[in-house]
């Protein structure tokens, strides 16, 4: 019901179109596809950062985990 109201006032486009655009945008920018989960009647979207040499340095890991990745 809330979704229909938001659609009628043009706050959202259509059910389901946003999820595909989020996935496409992540893939087009070299990111992993997001994880969509239903949790306690809500929606959780997890966006994951790509692991690069720079992000590993920011994590202050020792050499062994860095080599494993």
PDB file of N, CA and C in Angstrom:
ATOM      1  N   UNK A   1       0.821  -1.183   0.000  1.00  0.00           N
ATOM      2  CA  UNK A   1       0.000   0.000   0.000  1.00  0.00           C
ATOM      3  C   UNK A   1       0.875   1.260   0.000  1.00  0.00           C
ATOM      4  N   UNK A   2       1.910   1.278   0.823  1.00  0.00           N
ATOM      5  CA  UNK A   2       2.805   2.439   0.852  1.00  0.00           C
ATOM      6  C   UNK A   2       3.499   2.581  -0.495  1.00  0.00           C
ATOM      7  N   UNK A   3       3.932   1.429  -1.044  1.00  0.00           N
ATOM      8  CA  UNK A   3       4.603   1.455  -2.342  1.00  0.00           C
ATOM      9  C   UNK A   3       3.724   2.037  -3.432  1.00  0.00           C
ATOM     10  N   UNK A   4       2.448   1.676  -3.423  1.00  0.00           N
ATOM     11  CA  UNK A   4       1.533   2.195  -4.439  1.00  0.00           C
ATOM     12  C   UNK A   4       1.372   3.708  -4.295  1.00  0.00           C
ATOM     13  N   UNK A   5       1.287   4.185  -3.066  1.00  0.00           N
ATOM     14  CA  UNK A   5       1.184   5.635  -2.836  1.00  0.00           C
ATOM     15  C   UNK A   5       2.428   6.350  -3.341  1.00  0.00           C
ATOM     16  N   UNK A   6       3.597   5.797  -3.045  1.00  0.00           N
ATOM     17  CA  UNK A   6       4.844   6.409  -3.509  1.00  0.00           C
ATOM     18  C   UNK A   6       4.926   6.408  -5.028  1.00  0.00           C
ATOM     19  N   UNK A   7       4.417   5.344  -5.655  1.00  0.00           N
ATOM     20  CA  UNK A   7       4.390   5.276  -7.114  1.00  0.00           C
ATOM     21  C   UNK A   7       3.455   6.342  -7.682  1.00  0.00           C
ATOM     22  N   UNK A   8       2.289   6.496  -7.097  1.00  0.00           N
ATOM     23  CA  UNK A   8       1.302   7.455  -7.602  1.00  0.00           C
ATOM     24  C   UNK A   8       1.788   8.900  -7.506  1.00  0.00           C
ATOM     25  N   UNK A   9       2.590   9.204  -6.492  1.00  0.00           N
ATOM     26  CA  UNK A   9       3.120  10.570  -6.388  1.00  0.00           C
ATOM     27  C   UNK A   9       4.480  10.694  -7.084  1.00  0.00           C
ATOM     28  N   UNK A  10       4.834   9.639  -7.836  1.00  0.00           N
ATOM     29  CA  UNK A  10       6.058   9.594  -8.643  1.00  0.00           C
ATOM     30  C   UNK A  10       7.341   9.706  -7.817  1.00  0.00           C
ATOM     31  N   UNK A  11       7.265   9.221  -6.565  1.00  0.00           N
ATOM     32  CA  UNK A  11       8.453   9.174  -5.720  1.00  0.00           C
ATOM     33  C   UNK A  11       9.307   7.958  -6.072  1.00  0.00           C
ATOM     34  N   UNK A  12       8.644   6.890  -6.535  1.00  0.00           N
ATOM     35  CA  UNK A  12       9.343   5.718  -7.064  1.00  0.00           C
ATOM     36  C   UNK A  12       8.797   5.443  -8.456  1.00  0.00           C
ATOM     37  N   UNK A  13       9.583   4.716  -9.268  1.00  0.00           N
ATOM     38  CA  UNK A  13       9.166   4.443 -10.645  1.00  0.00           C
ATOM     39  C   UNK A  13       8.231   3.242 -10.742  1.00  0.00           C
ATOM     40  N   UNK A  14       8.696   2.099 -10.293  1.00  0.00           N
ATOM     41  CA  UNK A  14       7.918   0.872 -10.418  1.00  0.00           C
ATOM     42  C   UNK A  14       8.556  -0.166  -9.517  1.00  0.00           C
ATOM     43  N   UNK A  15       7.764  -1.067  -8.980  1.00  0.00           N
ATOM     44  CA  UNK A  15       8.315  -2.127  -8.134  1.00  0.00           C
ATOM     45  C   UNK A  15       9.369  -2.914  -8.886  1.00  0.00           C
ATOM     46  N   UNK A  16      10.528  -3.084  -8.286  1.00  0.00           N
ATOM     47  CA  UNK A  16      11.551  -3.964  -8.842  1.00  0.00           C
ATOM     48  C   UNK A  16      12.545  -3.318  -9.777  1.00  0.00           C
ATOM     49  N   UNK A  17      12.253  -2.149 -10.317  1.00  0.00           N
ATOM     50  CA  UNK A  17      13.184  -1.560 -11.288  1.00  0.00           C
ATOM     51  C   UNK A  17      14.445  -1.044 -10.607  1.00  0.00           C
ATOM     52  N   UNK A  18      14.348  -0.617  -9.378  1.00  0.00           N
ATOM     53  CA  UNK A  18      15.501  -0.068  -8.666  1.00  0.00           C
ATOM     54  C   UNK A  18      16.561  -1.103  -8.354  1.00  0.00           C
ATOM     55  N   UNK A  19      16.133  -2.317  -8.007  1.00  0.00           N
ATOM     56  CA  UNK A  19      17.112  -3.350  -7.663  1.00  0.00           C
ATOM     57  C   UNK A  19      17.988  -3.692  -8.859  1.00  0.00           C
ATOM     58  N   UNK A  20      17.384  -3.804 -10.020  1.00  0.00           N
ATOM     59  CA  UNK A  20      18.177  -4.103 -11.223  1.00  0.00           C
ATOM     60  C   UNK A  20      19.131  -2.965 -11.557  1.00  0.00           C
ATOM     61  N   UNK A  21      18.696  -1.731 -11.351  1.00  0.00           N
ATOM     62  CA  UNK A  21      19.576  -0.587 -11.625  1.00  0.00           C
ATOM     63  C   UNK A  21      20.729  -0.534 -10.633  1.00  0.00           C
ATOM     64  N   UNK A  22      20.471  -0.883  -9.378  1.00  0.00           N
ATOM     65  CA  UNK A  22      21.543  -0.925  -8.378  1.00  0.00           C
ATOM     66  C   UNK A  22      22.578  -1.975  -8.765  1.00  0.00           C
ATOM     67  N   UNK A  23      22.118  -3.161  -9.150  1.00  0.00           N
ATOM     68  CA  UNK A  23      23.028  -4.236  -9.563  1.00  0.00           C
ATOM     69  C   UNK A  23      23.837  -3.805 -10.772  1.00  0.00           C
ATOM     70  N   UNK A  24      23.167  -3.273 -11.792  1.00  0.00           N
ATOM     71  CA  UNK A  24      23.864  -2.832 -13.015  1.00  0.00           C
ATOM     72  C   UNK A  24      24.897  -1.754 -12.709  1.00  0.00           C
ATOM     73  N   UNK A  25      24.540  -0.818 -11.849  1.00  0.00           N
ATOM     74  CA  UNK A  25      25.457   0.266 -11.514  1.00  0.00           C
ATOM     75  C   UNK A  25      26.696  -0.261 -10.797  1.00  0.00           C
ATOM     76  N   UNK A  26      26.506  -1.181  -9.868  1.00  0.00           N
ATOM     77  CA  UNK A  26      27.651  -1.773  -9.163  1.00  0.00           C
ATOM     78  C   UNK A  26      28.568  -2.493 -10.141  1.00  0.00           C
ATOM     79  N   UNK A  27      28.000  -3.326 -10.995  1.00  0.00           N
ATOM     80  CA  UNK A  27      28.796  -4.087 -11.961  1.00  0.00           C
ATOM     81  C   UNK A  27      29.514  -3.146 -12.924  1.00  0.00           C
ATOM     82  N   UNK A  28      28.828  -2.118 -13.404  1.00  0.00           N
ATOM     83  CA  UNK A  28      29.432  -1.158 -14.335  1.00  0.00           C
ATOM     84  C   UNK A  28      30.579  -0.368 -13.713  1.00  0.00           C
ATOM     85  N   UNK A  29      30.588  -0.261 -12.382  1.00  0.00           N
ATOM     86  CA  UNK A  29      31.657   0.462 -11.693  1.00  0.00           C
ATOM     87  C   UNK A  29      32.701  -0.483 -11.100  1.00  0.00           C
ATOM     88  N   UNK A  30      32.657  -1.750 -11.509  1.00  0.00           N
ATOM     89  CA  UNK A  30      33.668  -2.708 -11.078  1.00  0.00           C
ATOM     90  C   UNK A  30      33.505  -3.224  -9.659  1.00  0.00           C
ATOM     91  N   UNK A  31      32.305  -3.102  -9.109  1.00  0.00           N
ATOM     92  CA  UNK A  31      32.047  -3.597  -7.757  1.00  0.00           C
ATOM     93  C   UNK A  31      31.342  -4.942  -7.809  1.00  0.00           C
ATOM     94  N   UNK A  32      31.342  -5.639  -6.679  1.00  0.00           N
ATOM     95  CA  UNK A  32      30.579  -6.880  -6.573  1.00  0.00           C
ATOM     96  C   UNK A  32      29.090  -6.546  -6.626  1.00  0.00           C
ATOM     97  N   UNK A  33      28.285  -7.523  -7.040  1.00  0.00           N
ATOM     98  CA  UNK A  33      26.836  -7.325  -6.977  1.00  0.00           C
ATOM     99  C   UNK A  33      26.438  -7.196  -5.509  1.00  0.00           C
ATOM    100  N   UNK A  34      25.480  -6.326  -5.197  1.00  0.00           N
ATOM    101  CA  UNK A  34      25.056  -6.176  -3.805  1.00  0.00           C
ATOM    102  C   UNK A  34      24.303  -7.413  -3.329  1.00  0.00           C
ATOM    103  N   UNK A  35      24.241  -7.559  -2.021  1.00  0.00           N
ATOM    104  CA  UNK A  35      23.493  -8.658  -1.413  1.00  0.00           C
ATOM    105  C   UNK A  35      22.196  -8.069  -0.868  1.00  0.00           C
ATOM    106  N   UNK A  36      21.061  -8.620  -1.285  1.00  0.00           N
ATOM    107  CA  UNK A  36      19.750  -8.174  -0.822  1.00  0.00           C
ATOM    108  C   UNK A  36      19.214  -9.219   0.147  1.00  0.00           C
ATOM    109  N   UNK A  37      18.822  -8.778   1.357  1.00  0.00           N
ATOM    110  CA  UNK A  37      18.296  -9.695   2.363  1.00  0.00           C
ATOM    111  C   UNK A  37      17.051  -9.100   3.011  1.00  0.00           C
ATOM    112  N   UNK A  38      16.078  -9.964   3.282  1.00  0.00           N
ATOM    113  CA  UNK A  38      14.902  -9.552   4.041  1.00  0.00           C
ATOM    114  C   UNK A  38      15.208  -9.864   5.498  1.00  0.00           C
ATOM    115  N   UNK A  39      15.034  -8.880   6.357  1.00  0.00           N
ATOM    116  CA  UNK A  39      15.338  -9.066   7.769  1.00  0.00           C
ATOM    117  C   UNK A  39      14.266  -8.384   8.611  1.00  0.00           C
ATOM    118  N   UNK A  40      13.544  -9.161   9.357  1.00  0.00           N
ATOM    119  CA  UNK A  40      12.504  -8.649  10.262  1.00  0.00           C
ATOM    120  C   UNK A  40      11.515  -7.729   9.556  1.00  0.00           C
ATOM    121  N   UNK A  41      11.106  -8.107   8.364  1.00  0.00           N
ATOM    122  CA  UNK A  41      10.131  -7.319   7.619  1.00  0.00           C
ATOM    123  C   UNK A  41      10.723  -6.132   6.886  1.00  0.00           C
ATOM    124  N   UNK A  42      12.021  -5.974   6.954  1.00  0.00           N
ATOM    125  CA  UNK A  42      12.696  -4.874   6.259  1.00  0.00           C
ATOM    126  C   UNK A  42      13.648  -5.414   5.205  1.00  0.00           C
ATOM    127  N   UNK A  43      14.304  -4.530   4.519  1.00  0.00           N
ATOM    128  CA  UNK A  43      15.242  -4.905   3.466  1.00  0.00           C
ATOM    129  C   UNK A  43      16.626  -4.382   3.820  1.00  0.00           C
ATOM    130  N   UNK A  44      17.609  -5.277   3.745  1.00  0.00           N
ATOM    131  CA  UNK A  44      18.998  -4.904   3.989  1.00  0.00           C
ATOM    132  C   UNK A  44      19.754  -5.080   2.680  1.00  0.00           C
ATOM    133  N   UNK A  45      20.441  -4.030   2.240  1.00  0.00           N
ATOM    134  CA  UNK A  45      21.257  -4.091   1.028  1.00  0.00           C
ATOM    135  C   UNK A  45      22.703  -3.893   1.451  1.00  0.00           C
ATOM    136  N   UNK A  46      23.553  -4.868   1.131  1.00  0.00           N
ATOM    137  CA  UNK A  46      24.967  -4.791   1.480  1.00  0.00           C
ATOM    138  C   UNK A  46      25.773  -4.503   0.225  1.00  0.00           C
ATOM    139  N   UNK A  47      26.480  -3.384   0.235  1.00  0.00           N
ATOM    140  CA  UNK A  47      27.363  -3.006  -0.863  1.00  0.00           C
ATOM    141  C   UNK A  47      28.789  -3.284  -0.411  1.00  0.00           C
ATOM    142  N   UNK A  48      29.510  -4.101  -1.183  1.00  0.00           N
ATOM    143  CA  UNK A  48      30.860  -4.498  -0.790  1.00  0.00           C
ATOM    144  C   UNK A  48      31.907  -3.755  -1.600  1.00  0.00           C
ATOM    145  N   UNK A  49      32.919  -3.335  -0.923  1.00  0.00           N
ATOM    146  CA  UNK A  49      34.043  -2.640  -1.524  1.00  0.00           C
ATOM    147  C   UNK A  49      34.970  -3.674  -2.182  1.00  0.00           C
ATOM    148  N   UNK A  50      35.549  -3.324  -3.319  1.00  0.00           N
ATOM    149  CA  UNK A  50      36.518  -4.210  -3.957  1.00  0.00           C
ATOM    150  C   UNK A  50      37.789  -4.221  -3.118  1.00  0.00           C
ATOM    151  N   UNK A  51      38.400  -5.384  -2.993  1.00  0.00           N
ATOM    152  CA  UNK A  51      39.649  -5.488  -2.248  1.00  0.00           C
ATOM    153  C   UNK A  51      40.800  -5.180  -3.195  1.00  0.00           C
ATOM    154  N   UNK A  52      41.526  -4.132  -2.871  1.00  0.00           N
ATOM    155  CA  UNK A  52      42.690  -3.735  -3.661  1.00  0.00           C
ATOM    156  C   UNK A  52      43.901  -3.684  -2.736  1.00  0.00           C
ATOM    157  N   UNK A  53      45.054  -3.504  -3.307  1.00  0.00           N
ATOM    158  CA  UNK A  53      46.264  -3.365  -2.502  1.00  0.00           C
ATOM    159  C   UNK A  53      46.114  -2.211  -1.521  1.00  0.00           C
ATOM    160  N   UNK A  54      45.499  -1.138  -1.982  1.00  0.00           N
ATOM    161  CA  UNK A  54      45.305   0.041  -1.129  1.00  0.00           C
ATOM    162  C   UNK A  54      44.387  -0.265   0.052  1.00  0.00           C
ATOM    163  N   UNK A  55      43.275  -0.969  -0.188  1.00  0.00           N
ATOM    164  CA  UNK A  55      42.364  -1.281   0.920  1.00  0.00           C
ATOM    165  C   UNK A  55      43.022  -2.235   1.906  1.00  0.00           C
ATOM    166  N   UNK A  56      43.854  -3.147   1.413  1.00  0.00           N
ATOM    167  CA  UNK A  56      44.569  -4.048   2.319  1.00  0.00           C
ATOM    168  C   UNK A  56      45.549  -3.270   3.196  1.00  0.00           C
ATOM    169  N   UNK A  57      46.207  -2.274   2.625  1.00  0.00           N
ATOM    170  CA  UNK A  57      47.125  -1.435   3.411  1.00  0.00           C
ATOM    171  C   UNK A  57      46.358  -0.665   4.487  1.00  0.00           C
ATOM    172  N   UNK A  58      45.163  -0.191   4.137  1.00  0.00           N
ATOM    173  CA  UNK A  58      44.342   0.552   5.097  1.00  0.00           C
ATOM    174  C   UNK A  58      43.908  -0.321   6.270  1.00  0.00           C
ATOM    175  N   UNK A  59      43.834  -1.642   6.054  1.00  0.00           N
ATOM    176  CA  UNK A  59      43.411  -2.572   7.102  1.00  0.00           C
ATOM    177  C   UNK A  59      44.539  -2.902   8.080  1.00  0.00           C
ATOM    178  N   UNK A  60      45.755  -2.484   7.759  1.00  0.00           N
ATOM    179  CA  UNK A  60      46.922  -2.757   8.604  1.00  0.00           C
ATOM    180  C   UNK A  60      47.120  -4.247   8.874  1.00  0.00           C
ATOM    181  N   UNK A  61      46.953  -5.065   7.837  1.00  0.00           N
ATOM    182  CA  UNK A  61      47.157  -6.505   7.962  1.00  0.00           C
ATOM    183  C   UNK A  61      48.636  -6.830   7.842  1.00  0.00           C
ATOM    184  N   UNK A  62      49.032  -7.956   8.443  1.00  0.00           N
ATOM    185  CA  UNK A  62      50.412  -8.372   8.239  1.00  0.00           C
ATOM    186  C   UNK A  62      50.525  -9.058   6.874  1.00  0.00           C
ATOM    187  N   UNK A  63      51.698  -9.496   6.522  1.00  0.00           N
ATOM    188  CA  UNK A  63      51.975  -9.980   5.168  1.00  0.00           C
ATOM    189  C   UNK A  63      51.205 -11.251   4.792  1.00  0.00           C
ATOM    190  N   UNK A  64      50.970 -12.155   5.743  1.00  0.00           N
ATOM    191  CA  UNK A  64      50.327 -13.435   5.443  1.00  0.00           C
ATOM    192  C   UNK A  64      48.905 -13.277   4.892  1.00  0.00           C
ATOM    193  N   UNK A  65      48.005 -12.521   5.548  1.00  0.00           N
ATOM    194  CA  UNK A  65      46.667 -12.356   4.963  1.00  0.00           C
ATOM    195  C   UNK A  65      46.694 -11.636   3.618  1.00  0.00           C
ATOM    196  N   UNK A  66      47.620 -10.718   3.450  1.00  0.00           N
ATOM    197  CA  UNK A  66      47.722  -9.990   2.183  1.00  0.00           C
ATOM    198  C   UNK A  66      48.094 -10.956   1.066  1.00  0.00           C
ATOM    199  N   UNK A  67      49.035 -11.857   1.326  1.00  0.00           N
ATOM    200  CA  UNK A  67      49.425 -12.853   0.317  1.00  0.00           C
ATOM    201  C   UNK A  67      48.273 -13.806   0.010  1.00  0.00           C
ATOM    202  N   UNK A  68      47.466 -14.123   1.018  1.00  0.00           N
ATOM    203  CA  UNK A  68      46.343 -15.045   0.824  1.00  0.00           C
ATOM    204  C   UNK A  68      45.300 -14.466  -0.117  1.00  0.00           C
ATOM    205  N   UNK A  69      45.141 -13.165  -0.067  1.00  0.00           N
ATOM    206  CA  UNK A  69      44.156 -12.507  -0.925  1.00  0.00           C
ATOM    207  C   UNK A  69      44.746 -12.361  -2.296  1.00  0.00           C
TER     208      UNK A  69
END
